[in-house]
């Protein structure tokens, strides 16, 4: 089984408002998730990486094959899809920044990342 960790957006996933994430994956690693999409595999969701003591908190299924995009191309849709709008409404900070500040800084970085879109299947 493939796993993906959400760390600071775990709660947004659990309440069902996060359905997109972006990753700095190398192409070989991304191919594992592209294959998982084509096979309709279930992906385990972790609260943090196993190597840092993470545990599975749910599962998801990809709704499209992961693709690459510059973060500068992110839209208001992405702000909500990443769970950031919900986090903003909860007063949650990310590395000392509001979710909006974090998002705007991320857009300015304009880095190429893999975009992963999914539906939540369950919490554990």
N, C-alpha and C. Protein backbone atom coordinates (compact mmCIF):
# COMPACT_ATOMS: atom_id res chain seq x y z
N UNK A 1 0.84 -1.19 0.00
CA UNK A 1 0.00 0.00 0.00
C UNK A 1 0.88 1.24 0.00
N UNK A 2 0.48 2.25 -0.74
CA UNK A 2 1.13 3.56 -0.70
C UNK A 2 0.52 4.38 0.43
N UNK A 3 1.33 5.26 0.98
CA UNK A 3 0.89 6.14 2.05
C UNK A 3 1.26 7.57 1.72
N UNK A 4 0.47 8.50 2.27
CA UNK A 4 0.76 9.92 2.14
C UNK A 4 0.49 10.55 3.50
N UNK A 5 1.40 11.42 3.94
CA UNK A 5 1.22 12.07 5.23
C UNK A 5 0.82 13.53 5.04
N UNK A 6 -0.06 13.99 5.93
CA UNK A 6 -0.55 15.36 5.83
C UNK A 6 -0.02 16.28 6.94
N UNK A 7 0.54 15.73 7.99
CA UNK A 7 1.13 16.53 9.07
C UNK A 7 0.17 17.64 9.51
N UNK A 8 0.52 18.91 9.20
CA UNK A 8 -0.27 20.03 9.72
C UNK A 8 -1.64 20.19 9.07
N UNK A 9 -1.97 19.44 8.04
CA UNK A 9 -3.33 19.50 7.46
C UNK A 9 -4.14 18.23 7.75
N UNK A 10 -3.68 17.42 8.68
CA UNK A 10 -4.39 16.18 9.03
C UNK A 10 -5.82 16.45 9.46
N UNK A 11 -6.03 17.45 10.30
CA UNK A 11 -7.40 17.73 10.77
C UNK A 11 -8.31 18.15 9.63
N UNK A 12 -7.78 18.91 8.66
CA UNK A 12 -8.58 19.31 7.50
C UNK A 12 -9.00 18.08 6.70
N UNK A 13 -8.10 17.09 6.61
CA UNK A 13 -8.45 15.84 5.94
C UNK A 13 -9.55 15.12 6.73
N UNK A 14 -9.37 15.00 8.03
CA UNK A 14 -10.32 14.25 8.86
C UNK A 14 -11.74 14.81 8.79
N UNK A 15 -11.87 16.13 8.71
CA UNK A 15 -13.22 16.70 8.65
C UNK A 15 -13.75 16.76 7.21
N UNK A 16 -12.95 16.33 6.24
CA UNK A 16 -13.42 16.18 4.87
C UNK A 16 -13.33 17.42 4.00
N UNK A 17 -12.53 18.42 4.41
CA UNK A 17 -12.42 19.64 3.60
C UNK A 17 -11.15 19.69 2.76
N UNK A 18 -10.25 18.76 2.98
CA UNK A 18 -9.01 18.70 2.18
C UNK A 18 -9.18 17.62 1.13
N UNK A 19 -9.00 17.98 -0.14
CA UNK A 19 -9.06 16.97 -1.19
C UNK A 19 -8.01 17.20 -2.26
N UNK A 20 -6.98 17.98 -1.91
CA UNK A 20 -5.85 18.18 -2.82
C UNK A 20 -4.61 18.44 -1.98
N UNK A 21 -3.47 17.95 -2.47
CA UNK A 21 -2.20 18.21 -1.80
C UNK A 21 -1.12 18.35 -2.87
N UNK A 22 -0.06 19.00 -2.52
CA UNK A 22 1.07 19.19 -3.44
C UNK A 22 2.33 18.62 -2.80
N UNK A 23 3.15 17.99 -3.65
CA UNK A 23 4.33 17.29 -3.14
C UNK A 23 5.57 17.57 -3.98
N UNK A 24 6.70 17.65 -3.31
CA UNK A 24 8.01 17.77 -3.97
C UNK A 24 8.57 16.37 -4.18
N UNK A 25 7.94 15.61 -5.02
CA UNK A 25 8.36 14.24 -5.30
C UNK A 25 9.28 14.22 -6.51
N UNK A 26 10.20 13.24 -6.51
CA UNK A 26 10.92 13.00 -7.76
C UNK A 26 9.99 12.20 -8.68
N UNK A 27 10.33 12.19 -9.94
CA UNK A 27 9.44 11.57 -10.94
C UNK A 27 9.21 10.09 -10.68
N UNK A 28 10.25 9.37 -10.24
CA UNK A 28 10.09 7.94 -9.97
C UNK A 28 9.09 7.69 -8.86
N UNK A 29 9.16 8.49 -7.79
CA UNK A 29 8.23 8.32 -6.68
C UNK A 29 6.81 8.67 -7.12
N UNK A 30 6.66 9.74 -7.89
CA UNK A 30 5.34 10.15 -8.38
C UNK A 30 4.70 9.04 -9.22
N UNK A 31 5.52 8.29 -9.95
CA UNK A 31 4.98 7.21 -10.79
C UNK A 31 4.24 6.16 -9.95
N UNK A 32 4.65 5.97 -8.70
CA UNK A 32 3.96 5.03 -7.82
C UNK A 32 2.50 5.45 -7.62
N UNK A 33 2.29 6.76 -7.51
CA UNK A 33 0.94 7.27 -7.28
C UNK A 33 0.14 7.35 -8.59
N UNK A 34 0.81 7.59 -9.68
CA UNK A 34 0.14 7.55 -10.98
C UNK A 34 -0.35 6.13 -11.24
N UNK A 35 0.49 5.15 -10.93
CA UNK A 35 0.09 3.75 -11.07
C UNK A 35 -1.06 3.42 -10.12
N UNK A 36 -1.01 3.95 -8.89
CA UNK A 36 -2.08 3.72 -7.92
C UNK A 36 -3.41 4.27 -8.44
N UNK A 37 -3.36 5.43 -9.11
CA UNK A 37 -4.58 6.00 -9.69
C UNK A 37 -5.15 5.05 -10.74
N UNK A 38 -4.31 4.59 -11.66
CA UNK A 38 -4.77 3.71 -12.74
C UNK A 38 -5.29 2.37 -12.22
N UNK A 39 -4.71 1.91 -11.11
CA UNK A 39 -5.15 0.65 -10.51
C UNK A 39 -6.32 0.85 -9.53
N UNK A 40 -6.70 2.09 -9.30
CA UNK A 40 -7.75 2.44 -8.33
C UNK A 40 -7.42 1.94 -6.93
N UNK A 41 -6.14 2.02 -6.59
CA UNK A 41 -5.67 1.59 -5.27
C UNK A 41 -6.12 2.56 -4.18
N UNK A 42 -6.31 2.01 -2.99
CA UNK A 42 -6.56 2.83 -1.81
C UNK A 42 -5.20 3.28 -1.26
N UNK A 43 -5.12 4.55 -0.87
CA UNK A 43 -3.90 5.14 -0.31
C UNK A 43 -4.13 5.37 1.18
N UNK A 44 -3.19 4.93 2.00
CA UNK A 44 -3.28 5.19 3.43
C UNK A 44 -2.87 6.62 3.75
N UNK A 45 -3.57 7.24 4.70
CA UNK A 45 -3.27 8.61 5.12
C UNK A 45 -2.65 8.56 6.51
N UNK A 46 -1.50 9.24 6.64
CA UNK A 46 -0.78 9.28 7.91
C UNK A 46 -0.84 10.68 8.51
N UNK A 47 -0.77 10.75 9.85
CA UNK A 47 -0.71 12.06 10.50
C UNK A 47 0.68 12.66 10.41
N UNK A 48 1.67 11.84 10.21
CA UNK A 48 3.05 12.24 9.93
C UNK A 48 3.78 11.01 9.43
N UNK A 49 4.93 11.19 8.86
CA UNK A 49 5.68 10.09 8.27
C UNK A 49 5.93 8.98 9.30
N UNK A 50 5.89 7.73 8.83
CA UNK A 50 6.21 6.60 9.71
C UNK A 50 7.55 6.79 10.40
N UNK A 51 8.52 7.36 9.69
CA UNK A 51 9.86 7.50 10.27
C UNK A 51 9.90 8.46 11.45
N UNK A 52 8.82 9.26 11.62
CA UNK A 52 8.72 10.18 12.75
C UNK A 52 7.63 9.72 13.73
N UNK A 53 7.28 8.44 13.66
CA UNK A 53 6.29 7.88 14.58
C UNK A 53 4.85 8.08 14.14
N UNK A 54 4.64 8.33 12.87
CA UNK A 54 3.28 8.56 12.36
C UNK A 54 2.41 7.33 12.41
N UNK A 55 1.10 7.59 12.41
CA UNK A 55 0.14 6.49 12.38
C UNK A 55 -0.92 6.78 11.32
N UNK A 56 -1.53 5.71 10.84
CA UNK A 56 -2.57 5.87 9.83
C UNK A 56 -3.82 6.44 10.47
N UNK A 57 -4.38 7.49 9.84
CA UNK A 57 -5.58 8.15 10.36
C UNK A 57 -6.76 8.04 9.40
N UNK A 58 -6.54 7.45 8.24
CA UNK A 58 -7.62 7.33 7.26
C UNK A 58 -7.12 6.77 5.95
N UNK A 59 -7.97 6.90 4.94
CA UNK A 59 -7.59 6.43 3.61
C UNK A 59 -8.27 7.31 2.57
N UNK A 60 -7.73 7.23 1.35
CA UNK A 60 -8.26 8.03 0.25
C UNK A 60 -8.09 7.28 -1.05
N UNK A 61 -8.76 7.81 -2.07
CA UNK A 61 -8.61 7.29 -3.42
C UNK A 61 -8.37 8.48 -4.34
N UNK A 62 -7.41 8.35 -5.23
CA UNK A 62 -7.09 9.42 -6.16
C UNK A 62 -8.22 9.57 -7.18
N UNK A 63 -8.56 10.82 -7.51
CA UNK A 63 -9.62 11.08 -8.49
C UNK A 63 -9.08 11.46 -9.85
N UNK A 64 -7.78 11.67 -9.94
CA UNK A 64 -7.09 11.90 -11.22
C UNK A 64 -5.63 11.56 -11.03
N UNK A 65 -4.94 11.32 -12.11
CA UNK A 65 -3.51 11.02 -12.04
C UNK A 65 -2.77 12.26 -11.56
N UNK A 66 -1.83 12.10 -10.63
CA UNK A 66 -1.03 13.25 -10.21
C UNK A 66 -0.37 13.92 -11.41
N UNK A 67 -0.28 15.24 -11.35
CA UNK A 67 0.33 16.02 -12.43
C UNK A 67 1.19 17.12 -11.82
N UNK A 68 2.08 17.65 -12.65
CA UNK A 68 2.97 18.72 -12.17
C UNK A 68 2.39 20.09 -12.48
N UNK A 69 2.67 21.03 -11.56
CA UNK A 69 2.21 22.40 -11.71
C UNK A 69 3.10 23.32 -10.88
N UNK A 70 3.31 24.54 -11.37
CA UNK A 70 4.01 25.55 -10.61
C UNK A 70 3.08 26.07 -9.52
N UNK A 71 3.61 26.26 -8.31
CA UNK A 71 2.77 26.76 -7.22
C UNK A 71 2.23 28.16 -7.52
N UNK A 72 2.91 28.92 -8.36
CA UNK A 72 2.43 30.23 -8.76
C UNK A 72 1.12 30.19 -9.51
N UNK A 73 0.74 29.02 -9.99
CA UNK A 73 -0.51 28.84 -10.74
C UNK A 73 -1.69 28.45 -9.84
N UNK A 74 -1.43 28.32 -8.54
CA UNK A 74 -2.51 27.94 -7.63
C UNK A 74 -3.58 29.03 -7.60
N UNK A 75 -4.83 28.59 -7.45
CA UNK A 75 -5.98 29.50 -7.47
C UNK A 75 -6.68 29.49 -6.11
N UNK A 76 -7.74 30.26 -6.04
CA UNK A 76 -8.57 30.27 -4.83
C UNK A 76 -9.20 28.90 -4.60
N UNK A 77 -9.51 28.20 -5.68
CA UNK A 77 -10.00 26.82 -5.56
C UNK A 77 -8.99 25.98 -4.80
N UNK A 78 -7.70 26.13 -5.14
CA UNK A 78 -6.65 25.35 -4.48
C UNK A 78 -6.52 25.70 -3.00
N UNK A 79 -6.72 26.98 -2.68
CA UNK A 79 -6.67 27.41 -1.27
C UNK A 79 -7.68 26.61 -0.45
N UNK A 80 -8.87 26.46 -0.99
CA UNK A 80 -9.90 25.70 -0.30
C UNK A 80 -9.64 24.20 -0.36
N UNK A 81 -9.22 23.70 -1.54
CA UNK A 81 -8.99 22.27 -1.73
C UNK A 81 -7.85 21.74 -0.86
N UNK A 82 -6.90 22.58 -0.55
CA UNK A 82 -5.78 22.19 0.33
C UNK A 82 -6.18 22.19 1.80
N UNK A 83 -7.40 22.64 2.10
CA UNK A 83 -7.88 22.70 3.48
C UNK A 83 -7.50 23.99 4.20
N UNK A 84 -6.88 24.92 3.48
CA UNK A 84 -6.37 26.14 4.11
C UNK A 84 -7.49 27.10 4.52
N UNK A 85 -8.54 27.19 3.74
CA UNK A 85 -9.65 28.07 4.10
C UNK A 85 -10.26 27.60 5.43
N UNK A 86 -10.47 26.31 5.55
CA UNK A 86 -11.00 25.74 6.80
C UNK A 86 -10.05 26.03 7.96
N UNK A 87 -8.74 25.86 7.74
CA UNK A 87 -7.76 26.13 8.79
C UNK A 87 -7.80 27.60 9.20
N UNK A 88 -7.96 28.49 8.22
CA UNK A 88 -8.07 29.92 8.50
C UNK A 88 -9.26 30.18 9.43
N UNK A 89 -10.40 29.58 9.13
CA UNK A 89 -11.61 29.77 9.93
C UNK A 89 -11.46 29.20 11.34
N UNK A 90 -10.58 28.22 11.50
CA UNK A 90 -10.32 27.62 12.82
C UNK A 90 -9.27 28.39 13.61
N UNK A 91 -8.62 29.37 12.97
CA UNK A 91 -7.55 30.13 13.63
C UNK A 91 -6.24 29.37 13.74
N UNK A 92 -6.06 28.37 12.89
CA UNK A 92 -4.85 27.54 12.92
C UNK A 92 -3.73 28.24 12.15
N UNK A 93 -2.54 28.25 12.73
CA UNK A 93 -1.37 28.84 12.06
C UNK A 93 -0.48 27.73 11.52
N UNK A 94 0.27 28.07 10.49
CA UNK A 94 1.22 27.14 9.86
C UNK A 94 2.59 27.78 9.94
N UNK A 95 3.46 27.20 10.75
CA UNK A 95 4.81 27.75 10.92
C UNK A 95 4.76 29.23 11.30
N UNK A 96 3.80 29.58 12.15
CA UNK A 96 3.66 30.95 12.63
C UNK A 96 2.93 31.89 11.68
N UNK A 97 2.48 31.40 10.55
CA UNK A 97 1.78 32.22 9.56
C UNK A 97 0.31 31.85 9.51
N UNK A 98 -0.53 32.81 9.12
CA UNK A 98 -1.92 32.46 8.85
C UNK A 98 -1.92 31.59 7.59
N UNK A 99 -2.95 30.79 7.40
CA UNK A 99 -3.01 29.99 6.17
C UNK A 99 -2.92 30.86 4.91
N UNK A 100 -3.53 32.03 4.92
CA UNK A 100 -3.46 32.91 3.74
C UNK A 100 -2.03 33.36 3.49
N UNK A 101 -1.31 33.76 4.55
CA UNK A 101 0.09 34.19 4.39
C UNK A 101 0.93 33.03 3.86
N UNK A 102 0.71 31.84 4.42
CA UNK A 102 1.44 30.65 3.98
C UNK A 102 1.19 30.39 2.50
N UNK A 103 -0.07 30.45 2.09
CA UNK A 103 -0.46 30.20 0.70
C UNK A 103 0.18 31.21 -0.24
N UNK A 104 0.12 32.48 0.10
CA UNK A 104 0.69 33.52 -0.76
C UNK A 104 2.20 33.37 -0.88
N UNK A 105 2.88 33.03 0.21
CA UNK A 105 4.32 32.77 0.15
C UNK A 105 4.63 31.57 -0.74
N UNK A 106 3.82 30.55 -0.64
CA UNK A 106 3.97 29.33 -1.44
C UNK A 106 3.82 29.66 -2.92
N UNK A 107 2.82 30.49 -3.24
CA UNK A 107 2.63 30.90 -4.63
C UNK A 107 3.85 31.68 -5.14
N UNK A 108 4.38 32.57 -4.32
CA UNK A 108 5.54 33.38 -4.73
C UNK A 108 6.77 32.51 -4.97
N UNK A 109 6.90 31.41 -4.24
CA UNK A 109 8.04 30.50 -4.46
C UNK A 109 8.03 29.96 -5.88
N UNK A 110 6.84 29.78 -6.45
CA UNK A 110 6.65 29.32 -7.83
C UNK A 110 7.49 28.08 -8.15
N UNK A 111 7.40 27.10 -7.26
CA UNK A 111 8.15 25.86 -7.46
C UNK A 111 7.29 24.82 -8.17
N UNK A 112 7.93 23.94 -8.90
CA UNK A 112 7.24 22.86 -9.60
C UNK A 112 6.99 21.73 -8.60
N UNK A 113 5.72 21.35 -8.46
CA UNK A 113 5.34 20.30 -7.52
C UNK A 113 4.35 19.35 -8.20
N UNK A 114 4.15 18.21 -7.58
CA UNK A 114 3.14 17.25 -8.03
C UNK A 114 1.84 17.57 -7.31
N UNK A 115 0.75 17.64 -8.08
CA UNK A 115 -0.58 17.91 -7.53
C UNK A 115 -1.33 16.58 -7.43
N UNK A 116 -1.84 16.31 -6.23
CA UNK A 116 -2.53 15.05 -5.95
C UNK A 116 -3.95 15.38 -5.51
N UNK A 117 -4.93 14.91 -6.28
CA UNK A 117 -6.34 15.19 -6.01
C UNK A 117 -7.03 13.87 -5.62
N UNK A 118 -7.89 13.93 -4.61
CA UNK A 118 -8.42 12.70 -4.04
C UNK A 118 -9.79 12.91 -3.40
N UNK A 119 -10.41 11.79 -3.05
CA UNK A 119 -11.59 11.78 -2.19
C UNK A 119 -11.22 11.01 -0.93
N UNK A 120 -11.75 11.46 0.17
CA UNK A 120 -11.55 10.78 1.45
C UNK A 120 -12.46 9.55 1.50
N UNK A 121 -11.92 8.44 1.93
CA UNK A 121 -12.73 7.23 2.08
C UNK A 121 -13.18 7.04 3.51
N UNK A 122 -12.26 7.19 4.47
CA UNK A 122 -12.62 6.95 5.86
C UNK A 122 -11.56 7.53 6.79
N UNK A 123 -11.97 7.73 8.03
CA UNK A 123 -11.04 8.03 9.13
C UNK A 123 -10.83 6.74 9.89
N UNK A 124 -9.73 6.67 10.60
CA UNK A 124 -9.47 5.48 11.42
C UNK A 124 -9.46 5.88 12.88
